[in-house]
Amino acid sequence: MPAMYKVRPLHSAGVLAEHLPTCMYPLPNLHQAPGAAAPPQEEVDPSLQALESRQEEILKRLYELKSAVDGLSKMIQTPDADFDVTNIIQTDEFSPLTTNGADLDLMLGKDYGALKDVVINANPSLPPLSLLVIHSLLCERYKILSAVHTHSSVKSVPENLLKCFGEQTKKKPRHEYQLGFTLIWKDVPKPQMKFSIQTMCPIEGEGNIARFLFSLFGQKYNAVTSTLIDSWVDTALFQLKEGSSKERAAVLRSMNAALGKSSWLVGNELTVADVVAWCALQQTGAANTAPANVQKWMKSCENLAPFSSVMKLLK
């Protein structure tokens, strides 16, 4: 059958070159014949190569750190990989309370030989028993001039609180004492203490005051022991004394476990943690239901004169 019409071929070199668009970027020919020379490759940016090398180095270091952490967790053999610091404190050196005390001039400031006065404001409705125990302990170390006063903001104070420091039968001249200890029963939300009435801001809170007064014994602790003591003080005040019944039960279990390893809450010597915890137990009424180790520890505390004198205030 004869052709109807003829069409000029469009694939000729001249027509293809003439009609190619110029608005797009050129691409290498993917249909190159086998054996033909490959097109030259573009050079890699040196900054990109440096970035890739740095990334590989970081990934390698992270892998090494992960391996080290995994090894430590297996050595410690605890579910949460925490250290059991209760074994570390056995190597701490405690200075017994019977040794020489701290330098009062260094602790309270040197005031040309004048008697250093510690003044504490406390509410008689919530007497800070731990401060009374520490006062008695300090009286065994220093010559203390003690006094109790009542502020006008308080209408009445029980007789036993007015005589909480006992009677100082042997009055000496003021300059013969090493420390003045004045307790003022006042309508305050929390205990306040000053030892420089003119210049310093008050130290507030029974726990903070107890820590400061106990430091006057001059005992030295390492960082781990100091942290444990602070933890027990806060636990006694905020969970044992002011917490719910569930929190108190949890604290008593922790105390029972700690006292199963040592005679006192932290190590083998009395610390401020024992004083604050014992007073908190007395004020919450949980002493009678305490576990066996806690009961034994409480008897050890009550065998000391400062604790037994405070027991009389609770009757």
Foldseek 3Di string as FASTA:
>chain_A
DDDPDDDDDCPDPVNVVVPDDDPDDDDDDPPDDPPDDDDDDDDDDVVVVVVVVVVVVVVVVVVVVVVVVVVQQVVCPDPVSDHPCLVVLQPKDKDALPDAWDDCCVLLNDDPLAAFEKEKEAALVDDLLLVLLLVVSVVSHFFEAEAEEEDPQDDDHDPCVNCSVPDDPDDDPRSVGRHYYYYYHHPDPFMWIDRDVPDDDTDTHSLRVLVSSQCRSVIDTDPSLVVQLSVLLCLLVCQLQPHDPVSVVVVLVVQQVCLVVELANRHDHDDSSRSSNLVSCLVVVCQVVGDDSSVSSNVVVCVDVSNVSSVVVSD
